[in-house]
């Protein structure tokens, strides 16, 4: 199979929203619900998953209406942090995106975030992608592969022709269960989260179009 498409998770891959998500969850869980929250909870329960699924797991005592209110509270605080200019872009990712585009690779974002379109516009990088899948487009959260499969379909490509870039364990599992080649980005030195990835890096500056094309040749 030839290398034709690249699908990027958003949070932690294209933009460094992890600190903003963390602070938003911290405000919701600790300040509002007196619920324990730390790095372990974030990595094991939150990272890479839909906020709706996280709230259901961490605040199971809330009814559906209360869970929706909690979701809106968290999202409001998160967007406030972004509007304050605290959004950081991973320039190594953007550089790779430009290189792949020059080599006629189709590009997509597949994110669990409901606000991905807004943030892409805010960062002025929306036009880099042929297809954008957000949390509003899916009924199944990661580790289900639905978002990546929708992205591949939007690119009019088979999963076997696409590589997925992920920084979360649930995302790697989603990519592999969907039949994609997967690059795991281990920014926090947690190699156990990327055991299923085809290649693990600490930053996307470590790879390029040539090395990715080589992975496809090795695989197939």
N, C-alpha and C. Protein backbone atom coordinates (compact mmCIF):
# COMPACT_ATOMS: atom_id res chain seq x y z
N UNK A 1 0.83 -1.20 0.00
CA UNK A 1 0.00 0.00 0.00
C UNK A 1 0.87 1.26 0.00
N UNK A 2 0.48 2.27 -0.78
CA UNK A 2 1.22 3.51 -0.83
C UNK A 2 0.79 4.46 0.29
N UNK A 3 1.70 5.34 0.64
CA UNK A 3 1.44 6.38 1.63
C UNK A 3 0.72 7.54 0.95
N UNK A 4 -0.55 7.75 1.32
CA UNK A 4 -1.35 8.78 0.65
C UNK A 4 -1.99 9.78 1.61
N UNK A 5 -2.16 9.39 2.88
CA UNK A 5 -2.87 10.28 3.80
C UNK A 5 -2.27 10.32 5.18
N UNK A 6 -2.40 11.47 5.85
CA UNK A 6 -1.92 11.65 7.22
C UNK A 6 -3.04 12.24 8.06
N UNK A 7 -3.33 11.58 9.17
CA UNK A 7 -4.41 12.00 10.06
C UNK A 7 -3.81 12.36 11.42
N UNK A 8 -4.05 13.59 11.84
CA UNK A 8 -3.47 14.10 13.07
C UNK A 8 -4.52 14.21 14.16
N UNK A 9 -4.24 13.58 15.30
CA UNK A 9 -4.98 13.96 16.49
C UNK A 9 -4.67 15.44 16.73
N UNK A 10 -5.49 16.12 17.50
CA UNK A 10 -5.35 17.57 17.63
C UNK A 10 -4.65 17.99 18.92
N UNK A 11 -5.31 17.74 20.04
CA UNK A 11 -4.76 18.14 21.33
C UNK A 11 -3.49 17.35 21.63
N UNK A 12 -2.39 18.07 21.84
CA UNK A 12 -1.13 17.42 22.16
C UNK A 12 -0.32 17.00 20.95
N UNK A 13 -0.91 17.13 19.76
CA UNK A 13 -0.20 16.77 18.52
C UNK A 13 0.01 18.00 17.65
N UNK A 14 -1.08 18.72 17.35
CA UNK A 14 -0.99 19.95 16.56
C UNK A 14 -0.83 21.17 17.46
N UNK A 15 -1.63 21.20 18.51
CA UNK A 15 -1.57 22.31 19.48
C UNK A 15 -1.37 21.76 20.89
N UNK A 16 -0.70 22.54 21.70
CA UNK A 16 -0.41 22.10 23.07
C UNK A 16 -1.52 22.58 24.01
N UNK A 17 -2.68 21.96 23.86
CA UNK A 17 -3.82 22.32 24.70
C UNK A 17 -3.87 21.53 25.99
N UNK A 18 -2.97 20.58 26.16
CA UNK A 18 -3.01 19.74 27.36
C UNK A 18 -3.03 20.55 28.66
N UNK A 19 -2.16 21.55 28.84
CA UNK A 19 -2.22 22.33 30.09
C UNK A 19 -3.57 23.03 30.29
N UNK A 20 -4.18 23.46 29.18
CA UNK A 20 -5.47 24.16 29.28
C UNK A 20 -6.59 23.18 29.63
N UNK A 21 -6.57 22.01 29.01
CA UNK A 21 -7.54 20.98 29.37
C UNK A 21 -7.36 20.58 30.84
N UNK A 22 -6.12 20.42 31.25
CA UNK A 22 -5.85 20.01 32.63
C UNK A 22 -6.44 21.02 33.61
N UNK A 23 -6.17 22.30 33.38
CA UNK A 23 -6.66 23.34 34.29
C UNK A 23 -8.19 23.41 34.29
N UNK A 24 -8.80 23.15 33.14
CA UNK A 24 -10.25 23.17 33.05
C UNK A 24 -10.88 22.01 33.81
N UNK A 25 -10.29 20.81 33.64
CA UNK A 25 -10.78 19.66 34.40
C UNK A 25 -10.53 19.85 35.90
N UNK A 26 -9.39 20.40 36.24
CA UNK A 26 -9.06 20.65 37.65
C UNK A 26 -10.08 21.58 38.28
N UNK A 27 -10.44 22.63 37.56
CA UNK A 27 -11.42 23.59 38.09
C UNK A 27 -12.78 22.93 38.29
N UNK A 28 -13.19 22.12 37.31
CA UNK A 28 -14.47 21.43 37.41
C UNK A 28 -14.49 20.42 38.54
N UNK A 29 -13.48 19.55 38.57
CA UNK A 29 -13.51 18.41 39.49
C UNK A 29 -13.16 18.80 40.92
N UNK A 30 -12.10 19.57 41.10
CA UNK A 30 -11.65 19.90 42.46
C UNK A 30 -12.46 21.04 43.05
N UNK A 31 -12.56 22.15 42.32
CA UNK A 31 -13.22 23.33 42.87
C UNK A 31 -14.73 23.20 42.93
N UNK A 32 -15.31 22.55 41.93
CA UNK A 32 -16.77 22.49 41.85
C UNK A 32 -17.36 21.24 42.48
N UNK A 33 -16.64 20.10 42.37
CA UNK A 33 -17.20 18.84 42.84
C UNK A 33 -16.37 18.16 43.92
N UNK A 34 -15.30 18.83 44.39
CA UNK A 34 -14.42 18.27 45.43
C UNK A 34 -13.98 16.84 45.08
N UNK A 35 -13.69 16.64 43.82
CA UNK A 35 -13.30 15.34 43.30
C UNK A 35 -11.78 15.30 43.12
N UNK A 36 -11.10 14.25 43.58
CA UNK A 36 -9.64 14.17 43.39
C UNK A 36 -9.26 14.22 41.92
N UNK A 37 -8.18 14.94 41.64
CA UNK A 37 -7.71 15.04 40.26
C UNK A 37 -6.22 15.33 40.26
N UNK A 38 -5.46 14.55 39.47
CA UNK A 38 -4.02 14.75 39.37
C UNK A 38 -3.53 14.22 38.03
N UNK A 39 -2.21 14.18 37.85
CA UNK A 39 -1.63 13.73 36.59
C UNK A 39 -2.03 12.29 36.25
N UNK A 40 -2.12 11.46 37.28
CA UNK A 40 -2.46 10.05 37.05
C UNK A 40 -3.87 9.93 36.50
N UNK A 41 -4.80 10.66 37.09
CA UNK A 41 -6.18 10.63 36.61
C UNK A 41 -6.26 11.18 35.20
N UNK A 42 -5.53 12.26 34.94
CA UNK A 42 -5.56 12.86 33.61
C UNK A 42 -5.09 11.86 32.55
N UNK A 43 -3.95 11.22 32.81
CA UNK A 43 -3.39 10.30 31.82
C UNK A 43 -4.21 9.03 31.66
N UNK A 44 -4.77 8.53 32.75
CA UNK A 44 -5.46 7.24 32.70
C UNK A 44 -6.93 7.35 32.28
N UNK A 45 -7.54 8.51 32.53
CA UNK A 45 -8.98 8.64 32.28
C UNK A 45 -9.31 9.71 31.24
N UNK A 46 -8.60 10.84 31.28
CA UNK A 46 -8.99 12.00 30.47
C UNK A 46 -8.33 12.02 29.10
N UNK A 47 -7.02 11.86 29.05
CA UNK A 47 -6.24 12.15 27.85
C UNK A 47 -6.70 11.33 26.64
N UNK A 48 -7.08 12.04 25.57
CA UNK A 48 -7.46 11.39 24.33
C UNK A 48 -8.91 10.97 24.23
N UNK A 49 -9.68 11.17 25.30
CA UNK A 49 -11.08 10.71 25.31
C UNK A 49 -12.05 11.87 25.23
N UNK A 50 -13.29 11.57 24.84
CA UNK A 50 -14.33 12.60 24.78
C UNK A 50 -14.68 13.08 26.18
N UNK A 51 -14.92 14.38 26.31
CA UNK A 51 -15.26 14.95 27.62
C UNK A 51 -16.52 14.30 28.18
N UNK A 52 -17.47 14.00 27.31
CA UNK A 52 -18.72 13.37 27.76
C UNK A 52 -18.44 12.03 28.43
N UNK A 53 -17.55 11.23 27.85
CA UNK A 53 -17.22 9.93 28.42
C UNK A 53 -16.45 10.09 29.73
N UNK A 54 -15.60 11.10 29.80
CA UNK A 54 -14.82 11.35 31.02
C UNK A 54 -15.73 11.73 32.16
N UNK A 55 -16.67 12.63 31.91
CA UNK A 55 -17.59 13.07 32.96
C UNK A 55 -18.44 11.91 33.46
N UNK A 56 -18.88 11.07 32.53
CA UNK A 56 -19.67 9.90 32.92
C UNK A 56 -18.88 8.99 33.86
N UNK A 57 -17.58 8.86 33.61
CA UNK A 57 -16.74 7.99 34.44
C UNK A 57 -16.35 8.65 35.77
N UNK A 58 -16.00 9.93 35.73
CA UNK A 58 -15.49 10.58 36.94
C UNK A 58 -16.59 11.15 37.83
N UNK A 59 -17.75 11.45 37.24
CA UNK A 59 -18.87 12.00 38.03
C UNK A 59 -20.13 11.17 37.78
N UNK A 60 -20.06 9.88 38.07
CA UNK A 60 -21.18 8.99 37.74
C UNK A 60 -22.45 9.27 38.56
N UNK A 61 -22.30 9.99 39.67
CA UNK A 61 -23.46 10.28 40.52
C UNK A 61 -24.35 11.38 39.94
N UNK A 62 -23.87 12.10 38.93
CA UNK A 62 -24.67 13.15 38.32
C UNK A 62 -25.68 12.57 37.33
N UNK A 63 -26.87 13.16 37.29
CA UNK A 63 -27.83 12.72 36.28
C UNK A 63 -27.45 13.34 34.93
N UNK A 64 -28.19 12.99 33.90
CA UNK A 64 -27.82 13.41 32.55
C UNK A 64 -27.77 14.93 32.42
N UNK A 65 -28.74 15.61 32.99
CA UNK A 65 -28.78 17.07 32.92
C UNK A 65 -27.59 17.69 33.65
N UNK A 66 -27.26 17.15 34.81
CA UNK A 66 -26.12 17.66 35.57
C UNK A 66 -24.80 17.39 34.87
N UNK A 67 -24.70 16.24 34.21
CA UNK A 67 -23.50 15.94 33.44
C UNK A 67 -23.32 16.92 32.29
N UNK A 68 -24.42 17.29 31.65
CA UNK A 68 -24.37 18.27 30.57
C UNK A 68 -23.92 19.63 31.08
N UNK A 69 -24.42 20.01 32.26
CA UNK A 69 -24.00 21.27 32.87
C UNK A 69 -22.51 21.25 33.19
N UNK A 70 -22.03 20.12 33.70
CA UNK A 70 -20.60 19.99 34.02
C UNK A 70 -19.77 20.08 32.75
N UNK A 71 -20.24 19.45 31.67
CA UNK A 71 -19.55 19.50 30.39
C UNK A 71 -19.45 20.93 29.88
N UNK A 72 -20.54 21.68 29.99
CA UNK A 72 -20.56 23.07 29.54
C UNK A 72 -19.67 23.95 30.41
N UNK A 73 -19.62 23.68 31.71
CA UNK A 73 -18.75 24.43 32.63
C UNK A 73 -17.29 24.25 32.25
N UNK A 74 -16.91 23.00 32.03
CA UNK A 74 -15.53 22.71 31.67
C UNK A 74 -15.17 23.36 30.34
N UNK A 75 -16.06 23.24 29.36
CA UNK A 75 -15.80 23.77 28.03
C UNK A 75 -15.69 25.30 28.06
N UNK A 76 -16.53 25.95 28.84
CA UNK A 76 -16.52 27.41 28.93
C UNK A 76 -15.18 27.89 29.49
N UNK A 77 -14.70 27.23 30.54
CA UNK A 77 -13.42 27.64 31.13
C UNK A 77 -12.27 27.38 30.16
N UNK A 78 -12.33 26.27 29.44
CA UNK A 78 -11.30 25.92 28.46
C UNK A 78 -11.22 26.97 27.35
N UNK A 79 -12.36 27.38 26.81
CA UNK A 79 -12.37 28.37 25.75
C UNK A 79 -11.94 29.75 26.26
N UNK A 80 -12.23 30.04 27.51
CA UNK A 80 -11.77 31.30 28.11
C UNK A 80 -10.24 31.35 28.14
N UNK A 81 -9.62 30.24 28.49
CA UNK A 81 -8.15 30.19 28.52
C UNK A 81 -7.57 30.39 27.13
N UNK A 82 -8.21 29.80 26.12
CA UNK A 82 -7.74 29.97 24.75
C UNK A 82 -7.89 31.42 24.30
N UNK A 83 -9.03 32.03 24.65
CA UNK A 83 -9.26 33.42 24.24
C UNK A 83 -8.28 34.38 24.90
N UNK A 84 -7.68 33.95 26.00
CA UNK A 84 -6.68 34.77 26.70
C UNK A 84 -5.30 34.66 26.06
N UNK A 85 -5.22 33.89 24.96
CA UNK A 85 -3.97 33.80 24.21
C UNK A 85 -3.00 32.77 24.75
N UNK A 86 -3.50 31.75 25.43
CA UNK A 86 -2.61 30.77 26.04
C UNK A 86 -2.41 29.52 25.17
N UNK A 87 -2.77 29.63 23.89
CA UNK A 87 -2.66 28.48 22.99
C UNK A 87 -1.28 28.43 22.35
N UNK A 88 -0.64 27.27 22.45
CA UNK A 88 0.68 27.07 21.86
C UNK A 88 0.57 26.05 20.73
N UNK A 89 1.20 26.36 19.60
CA UNK A 89 1.21 25.46 18.45
C UNK A 89 2.54 24.71 18.42
N UNK A 90 2.50 23.43 18.09
CA UNK A 90 3.73 22.66 17.92
C UNK A 90 4.26 22.92 16.50
N UNK A 91 5.28 23.75 16.39
CA UNK A 91 5.76 24.15 15.07
C UNK A 91 6.41 22.98 14.32
N UNK A 92 6.94 22.01 15.04
CA UNK A 92 7.50 20.83 14.37
C UNK A 92 6.40 20.06 13.64
N UNK A 93 5.20 20.05 14.21
CA UNK A 93 4.07 19.40 13.55
C UNK A 93 3.67 20.18 12.31
N UNK A 94 3.60 21.49 12.43
CA UNK A 94 3.23 22.32 11.27
C UNK A 94 4.26 22.17 10.16
N UNK A 95 5.53 22.10 10.51
CA UNK A 95 6.58 21.90 9.50
C UNK A 95 6.39 20.59 8.76
N UNK A 96 6.05 19.53 9.51
CA UNK A 96 5.82 18.23 8.88
C UNK A 96 4.59 18.29 7.98
N UNK A 97 3.56 18.98 8.43
CA UNK A 97 2.34 19.12 7.62
C UNK A 97 2.66 19.78 6.28
N UNK A 98 3.44 20.85 6.31
CA UNK A 98 3.81 21.52 5.06
C UNK A 98 4.62 20.59 4.15
N UNK A 99 5.53 19.83 4.74
CA UNK A 99 6.34 18.90 3.94
C UNK A 99 5.47 17.84 3.31
N UNK A 100 4.54 17.27 4.07
CA UNK A 100 3.66 16.24 3.53
C UNK A 100 2.78 16.80 2.42
N UNK A 101 2.30 18.03 2.61
CA UNK A 101 1.46 18.66 1.58
C UNK A 101 2.24 18.82 0.27
N UNK A 102 3.51 19.19 0.38
CA UNK A 102 4.34 19.36 -0.82
C UNK A 102 4.53 18.04 -1.56
N UNK A 103 4.40 16.93 -0.82
CA UNK A 103 4.53 15.60 -1.41
C UNK A 103 3.18 14.96 -1.73
N UNK A 104 2.16 15.82 -1.83
CA UNK A 104 0.82 15.40 -2.25
C UNK A 104 0.15 14.41 -1.31
N UNK A 105 0.49 14.50 -0.02
CA UNK A 105 -0.19 13.70 0.99
C UNK A 105 -1.44 14.44 1.46
N UNK A 106 -2.57 13.78 1.46
CA UNK A 106 -3.82 14.39 1.94
C UNK A 106 -3.79 14.46 3.47
N UNK A 107 -4.32 15.54 4.02
CA UNK A 107 -4.18 15.81 5.45
C UNK A 107 -5.54 15.96 6.13
N UNK A 108 -5.62 15.39 7.34
CA UNK A 108 -6.86 15.47 8.11
C UNK A 108 -6.55 15.63 9.60
N UNK A 109 -7.52 16.18 10.31
CA UNK A 109 -7.51 16.20 11.78
C UNK A 109 -8.66 15.32 12.24
N UNK A 110 -8.40 14.49 13.25
CA UNK A 110 -9.46 13.68 13.86
C UNK A 110 -9.33 13.83 15.37
N UNK A 111 -10.24 14.58 15.95
CA UNK A 111 -10.12 14.95 17.36
C UNK A 111 -11.39 14.60 18.12
N UNK A 112 -11.22 14.31 19.41
CA UNK A 112 -12.36 14.11 20.29
C UNK A 112 -12.96 15.44 20.73
N UNK A 113 -12.24 16.53 20.49
CA UNK A 113 -12.66 17.86 20.93
C UNK A 113 -13.83 18.37 20.11
N UNK A 114 -14.79 18.99 20.78
CA UNK A 114 -15.92 19.61 20.08
C UNK A 114 -15.55 20.99 19.53
N UNK A 115 -14.47 21.56 20.02
CA UNK A 115 -14.11 22.94 19.66
C UNK A 115 -12.95 23.00 18.67
N UNK A 116 -12.65 21.89 18.02
CA UNK A 116 -11.46 21.84 17.16
C UNK A 116 -11.54 22.84 16.01
N UNK A 117 -12.72 23.02 15.40
CA UNK A 117 -12.85 23.99 14.30
C UNK A 117 -12.54 25.40 14.80
N UNK A 118 -13.09 25.73 15.95
CA UNK A 118 -12.88 27.06 16.53
C UNK A 118 -11.39 27.31 16.78
N UNK A 119 -10.71 26.33 17.33
CA UNK A 119 -9.30 26.51 17.68
C UNK A 119 -8.43 26.55 16.43
N UNK A 120 -8.76 25.75 15.43
CA UNK A 120 -8.03 25.80 14.16
C UNK A 120 -8.14 27.18 13.52
N UNK A 121 -9.34 27.77 13.59
CA UNK A 121 -9.52 29.12 13.07
C UNK A 121 -8.74 30.12 13.90
N UNK A 122 -8.79 29.94 15.22
CA UNK A 122 -8.08 30.85 16.13
C UNK A 122 -6.58 30.83 15.85
N UNK A 123 -6.05 29.65 15.54
CA UNK A 123 -4.62 29.51 15.27
C UNK A 123 -4.28 29.77 13.80
N UNK A 124 -5.30 30.03 12.99
CA UNK A 124 -5.13 30.33 11.56
C UNK A 124 -4.44 29.19 10.80
N UNK A 125 -4.83 27.95 11.12
CA UNK A 125 -4.25 26.80 10.42
C UNK A 125 -5.34 25.88 9.85
N UNK A 126 -6.59 26.35 9.84
CA UNK A 126 -7.69 25.52 9.37
C UNK A 126 -7.50 25.11 7.91
N UNK A 127 -6.92 26.01 7.12
CA UNK A 127 -6.80 25.75 5.67
C UNK A 127 -5.73 24.72 5.32
N UNK A 128 -4.99 24.23 6.32
CA UNK A 128 -3.96 23.23 6.05
C UNK A 128 -4.56 21.83 5.83
N UNK A 129 -5.80 21.62 6.23
CA UNK A 129 -6.37 20.27 6.26
C UNK A 129 -7.52 20.12 5.27
N UNK A 130 -7.54 18.96 4.60
CA UNK A 130 -8.63 18.65 3.67
C UNK A 130 -9.90 18.27 4.42
N UNK A 131 -9.75 17.62 5.57
CA UNK A 131 -10.89 17.11 6.34
C UNK A 131 -10.63 17.34 7.83
N UNK A 132 -11.66 17.76 8.55
CA UNK A 132 -11.56 17.93 10.00
C UNK A 132 -12.74 17.20 10.66
N UNK A 133 -12.41 16.23 11.51
CA UNK A 133 -13.41 15.50 12.28
C UNK A 133 -13.32 15.94 13.73
N UNK A 134 -14.44 16.37 14.29
CA UNK A 134 -14.47 16.80 15.69
C UNK A 134 -15.33 15.85 16.51
N UNK A 135 -15.39 16.12 17.80
CA UNK A 135 -16.23 15.31 18.68
C UNK A 135 -17.70 15.41 18.35
N UNK A 136 -18.09 16.46 17.62
CA UNK A 136 -19.49 16.62 17.21
C UNK A 136 -19.87 15.66 16.09
N UNK A 137 -18.87 15.07 15.44
CA UNK A 137 -19.13 14.22 14.27
C UNK A 137 -19.21 12.74 14.61
N UNK A 138 -18.89 12.38 15.85
CA UNK A 138 -18.78 10.96 16.20
C UNK A 138 -19.78 10.57 17.29
N UNK A 139 -20.13 9.31 17.29
CA UNK A 139 -20.97 8.77 18.36
C UNK A 139 -20.16 7.90 19.30
N UNK A 140 -18.95 7.53 18.87
CA UNK A 140 -18.07 6.68 19.67
C UNK A 140 -16.76 7.41 19.93
N UNK A 141 -16.33 7.44 21.19
CA UNK A 141 -15.06 8.05 21.52
C UNK A 141 -13.91 7.06 21.42
N UNK A 142 -12.69 7.57 21.35
CA UNK A 142 -11.50 6.72 21.38
C UNK A 142 -11.48 5.98 22.71
N UNK A 143 -11.10 4.70 22.74
CA UNK A 143 -10.31 3.95 21.75
C UNK A 143 -11.09 3.35 20.57
N UNK A 144 -12.36 3.71 20.39
CA UNK A 144 -13.06 3.29 19.18
C UNK A 144 -12.46 4.05 18.00
N UNK A 145 -12.29 3.41 16.84
CA UNK A 145 -11.62 4.04 15.71
C UNK A 145 -12.50 4.95 14.86
N UNK A 146 -13.73 5.22 15.28
CA UNK A 146 -14.68 5.93 14.42
C UNK A 146 -14.12 7.24 13.86
N UNK A 147 -13.49 8.06 14.70
CA UNK A 147 -13.03 9.37 14.22
C UNK A 147 -11.98 9.23 13.12
N UNK A 148 -11.08 8.26 13.27
CA UNK A 148 -10.05 8.05 12.25
C UNK A 148 -10.64 7.48 10.97
N UNK A 149 -11.61 6.59 11.11
CA UNK A 149 -12.27 6.02 9.93
C UNK A 149 -13.04 7.09 9.17
N UNK A 150 -13.69 8.00 9.90
CA UNK A 150 -14.40 9.10 9.25
C UNK A 150 -13.42 10.02 8.53
N UNK A 151 -12.27 10.25 9.15
CA UNK A 151 -11.25 11.10 8.52
C UNK A 151 -10.74 10.47 7.23
N UNK A 152 -10.44 9.18 7.27
CA UNK A 152 -9.97 8.49 6.06
C UNK A 152 -11.04 8.54 4.97
N UNK A 153 -12.28 8.34 5.37
CA UNK A 153 -13.37 8.41 4.40
C UNK A 153 -13.47 9.80 3.79
N UNK A 154 -13.28 10.84 4.63
CA UNK A 154 -13.31 12.21 4.14
C UNK A 154 -12.19 12.49 3.15
N UNK A 155 -11.07 11.81 3.32
CA UNK A 155 -9.95 11.94 2.38
C UNK A 155 -10.10 11.04 1.16
N UNK A 156 -11.14 10.19 1.19
CA UNK A 156 -11.39 9.20 0.14
C UNK A 156 -10.22 8.22 0.02
N UNK A 157 -9.74 7.78 1.20
CA UNK A 157 -8.63 6.84 1.26
C UNK A 157 -9.00 5.67 2.17
N UNK A 158 -8.32 4.54 1.96
CA UNK A 158 -8.45 3.40 2.86
C UNK A 158 -7.53 3.60 4.06
N UNK A 159 -7.88 3.02 5.21
CA UNK A 159 -7.00 3.13 6.38
C UNK A 159 -5.57 2.67 6.09
N UNK A 160 -5.43 1.66 5.25
CA UNK A 160 -4.11 1.11 4.95
C UNK A 160 -3.19 2.11 4.24
N UNK A 161 -3.79 3.17 3.67
CA UNK A 161 -3.01 4.19 2.98
C UNK A 161 -2.68 5.39 3.88
N UNK A 162 -3.10 5.33 5.14
CA UNK A 162 -2.99 6.50 6.01
C UNK A 162 -2.15 6.21 7.25
N UNK A 163 -1.48 7.24 7.73
CA UNK A 163 -0.79 7.18 9.01
C UNK A 163 -1.51 8.10 9.99
N UNK A 164 -1.61 7.67 11.23
CA UNK A 164 -2.21 8.46 12.30
C UNK A 164 -1.12 8.90 13.26
N UNK A 165 -1.20 10.17 13.69
CA UNK A 165 -0.27 10.71 14.68
C UNK A 165 -1.04 10.92 15.98
N UNK A 166 -0.58 10.27 17.05
CA UNK A 166 -1.30 10.29 18.33
C UNK A 166 -0.34 10.49 19.51
N UNK A 167 -0.85 11.17 20.54
CA UNK A 167 -0.04 11.36 21.75
C UNK A 167 -0.68 10.71 22.97
N UNK A 168 -1.76 9.94 22.77
CA UNK A 168 -2.48 9.32 23.89
C UNK A 168 -2.69 7.83 23.65
N UNK A 169 -2.68 7.08 24.73
CA UNK A 169 -2.84 5.63 24.67
C UNK A 169 -4.15 5.24 23.98
N UNK A 170 -5.24 5.91 24.35
CA UNK A 170 -6.54 5.59 23.75
C UNK A 170 -6.53 5.85 22.26
N UNK A 171 -5.83 6.90 21.83
CA UNK A 171 -5.75 7.22 20.42
C UNK A 171 -4.94 6.21 19.63
N UNK A 172 -3.84 5.75 20.22
CA UNK A 172 -3.02 4.72 19.56
C UNK A 172 -3.85 3.45 19.39
N UNK A 173 -4.57 3.07 20.42
CA UNK A 173 -5.41 1.87 20.35
C UNK A 173 -6.49 2.03 19.28
N UNK A 174 -7.05 3.24 19.18
CA UNK A 174 -8.08 3.51 18.16
C UNK A 174 -7.49 3.37 16.77
N UNK A 175 -6.31 3.95 16.56
CA UNK A 175 -5.68 3.89 15.25
C UNK A 175 -5.39 2.45 14.83
N UNK A 176 -4.83 1.69 15.73
CA UNK A 176 -4.45 0.32 15.39
C UNK A 176 -5.68 -0.57 15.17
N UNK A 177 -6.73 -0.36 15.96
CA UNK A 177 -7.93 -1.18 15.76
C UNK A 177 -8.63 -0.82 14.46
N UNK A 178 -8.36 0.40 13.94
CA UNK A 178 -8.95 0.80 12.67
C UNK A 178 -8.13 0.39 11.46
N UNK A 179 -6.96 -0.21 11.69
CA UNK A 179 -6.14 -0.68 10.58
C UNK A 179 -5.15 0.33 10.05
N UNK A 180 -4.85 1.37 10.84
CA UNK A 180 -3.93 2.42 10.42
C UNK A 180 -2.51 2.16 10.90
N UNK A 181 -1.54 2.67 10.15
CA UNK A 181 -0.19 2.78 10.67
C UNK A 181 -0.21 3.93 11.66
N UNK A 182 0.47 3.80 12.79
CA UNK A 182 0.37 4.80 13.85
C UNK A 182 1.74 5.23 14.36
N UNK A 183 1.92 6.55 14.46
CA UNK A 183 3.11 7.14 15.08
C UNK A 183 2.69 7.65 16.46
N UNK A 184 3.30 7.12 17.50
CA UNK A 184 3.02 7.58 18.85
C UNK A 184 3.99 8.68 19.26
N UNK A 185 3.47 9.77 19.79
CA UNK A 185 4.29 10.90 20.21
C UNK A 185 4.35 10.91 21.73
N UNK A 186 5.45 10.44 22.26
CA UNK A 186 5.61 10.28 23.71
C UNK A 186 6.26 11.54 24.29
N UNK A 187 5.45 12.56 24.56
CA UNK A 187 5.97 13.82 25.06
C UNK A 187 6.23 13.78 26.56
N UNK A 188 5.69 12.78 27.26
CA UNK A 188 5.77 12.75 28.72
C UNK A 188 6.53 11.54 29.26
N UNK A 189 7.29 10.90 28.38
CA UNK A 189 8.11 9.75 28.78
C UNK A 189 7.27 8.65 29.43
N UNK A 190 6.24 8.23 28.71
CA UNK A 190 5.40 7.14 29.16
C UNK A 190 5.35 6.07 28.05
N UNK A 191 6.47 5.39 27.81
CA UNK A 191 6.55 4.46 26.68
C UNK A 191 5.52 3.34 26.73
N UNK A 192 5.04 3.00 27.92
CA UNK A 192 4.06 1.93 28.03
C UNK A 192 2.75 2.29 27.33
N UNK A 193 2.50 3.58 27.13
CA UNK A 193 1.28 4.00 26.44
C UNK A 193 1.37 3.83 24.93
N UNK A 194 2.56 3.55 24.42
CA UNK A 194 2.76 3.53 22.98
C UNK A 194 3.29 2.19 22.48
N UNK A 195 3.04 1.15 23.25
CA UNK A 195 3.56 -0.17 22.89
C UNK A 195 2.93 -0.69 21.59
N UNK A 196 1.74 -0.24 21.25
CA UNK A 196 1.06 -0.71 20.04
C UNK A 196 1.37 0.15 18.81
N UNK A 197 2.05 1.27 19.01
CA UNK A 197 2.36 2.15 17.89
C UNK A 197 3.41 1.50 16.98
N UNK A 198 3.37 1.82 15.71
CA UNK A 198 4.35 1.30 14.76
C UNK A 198 5.71 1.97 14.95
N UNK A 199 5.69 3.21 15.44
CA UNK A 199 6.91 3.94 15.72
C UNK A 199 6.62 4.93 16.84
N UNK A 200 7.55 5.06 17.78
CA UNK A 200 7.41 6.02 18.88
C UNK A 200 8.48 7.10 18.73
N UNK A 201 8.05 8.36 18.84
CA UNK A 201 8.97 9.49 18.81
C UNK A 201 8.62 10.40 19.99
N UNK A 202 9.51 11.35 20.27
CA UNK A 202 9.20 12.34 21.30
C UNK A 202 8.70 13.65 20.70
N UNK A 203 8.94 13.82 19.39
CA UNK A 203 8.49 15.02 18.68
C UNK A 203 8.50 14.71 17.19
N UNK A 204 7.62 15.37 16.45
CA UNK A 204 7.51 15.05 15.02
C UNK A 204 8.66 15.61 14.18
N UNK A 205 9.56 16.35 14.78
CA UNK A 205 10.76 16.76 14.05
C UNK A 205 11.68 15.56 13.78
N UNK A 206 11.40 14.43 14.44
CA UNK A 206 12.24 13.24 14.27
C UNK A 206 11.91 12.44 13.02
N UNK A 207 10.82 12.81 12.32
CA UNK A 207 10.42 12.06 11.13
C UNK A 207 10.13 13.02 9.99
N UNK A 208 10.05 12.46 8.77
CA UNK A 208 9.73 13.26 7.59
C UNK A 208 8.99 12.40 6.58
N UNK A 209 8.70 12.96 5.42
CA UNK A 209 7.95 12.20 4.41
C UNK A 209 8.70 10.94 4.00
N UNK A 210 10.00 11.05 3.83
CA UNK A 210 10.79 9.91 3.38
C UNK A 210 10.74 8.76 4.39
N UNK A 211 10.92 9.07 5.66
CA UNK A 211 10.91 8.01 6.68
C UNK A 211 9.53 7.39 6.83
N UNK A 212 8.48 8.20 6.68
CA UNK A 212 7.12 7.68 6.76
C UNK A 212 6.81 6.76 5.57
N UNK A 213 7.24 7.18 4.38
CA UNK A 213 7.03 6.33 3.21
C UNK A 213 7.77 5.01 3.38
N UNK A 214 8.93 5.07 4.03
CA UNK A 214 9.68 3.84 4.29
C UNK A 214 8.95 2.89 5.22
N UNK A 215 8.23 3.45 6.20
CA UNK A 215 7.45 2.60 7.11
C UNK A 215 6.35 1.86 6.36
N UNK A 216 5.72 2.51 5.39
CA UNK A 216 4.68 1.86 4.60
C UNK A 216 5.28 0.71 3.78
N UNK A 217 6.48 0.92 3.23
CA UNK A 217 7.11 -0.13 2.43
C UNK A 217 7.47 -1.32 3.31
N UNK A 218 7.93 -1.03 4.53
CA UNK A 218 8.26 -2.13 5.46
C UNK A 218 7.03 -2.90 5.86
N UNK A 219 5.94 -2.18 6.08
CA UNK A 219 4.69 -2.81 6.55
C UNK A 219 4.06 -3.67 5.48
N UNK A 220 4.09 -3.19 4.25
CA UNK A 220 3.38 -3.90 3.17
C UNK A 220 4.33 -4.48 2.13
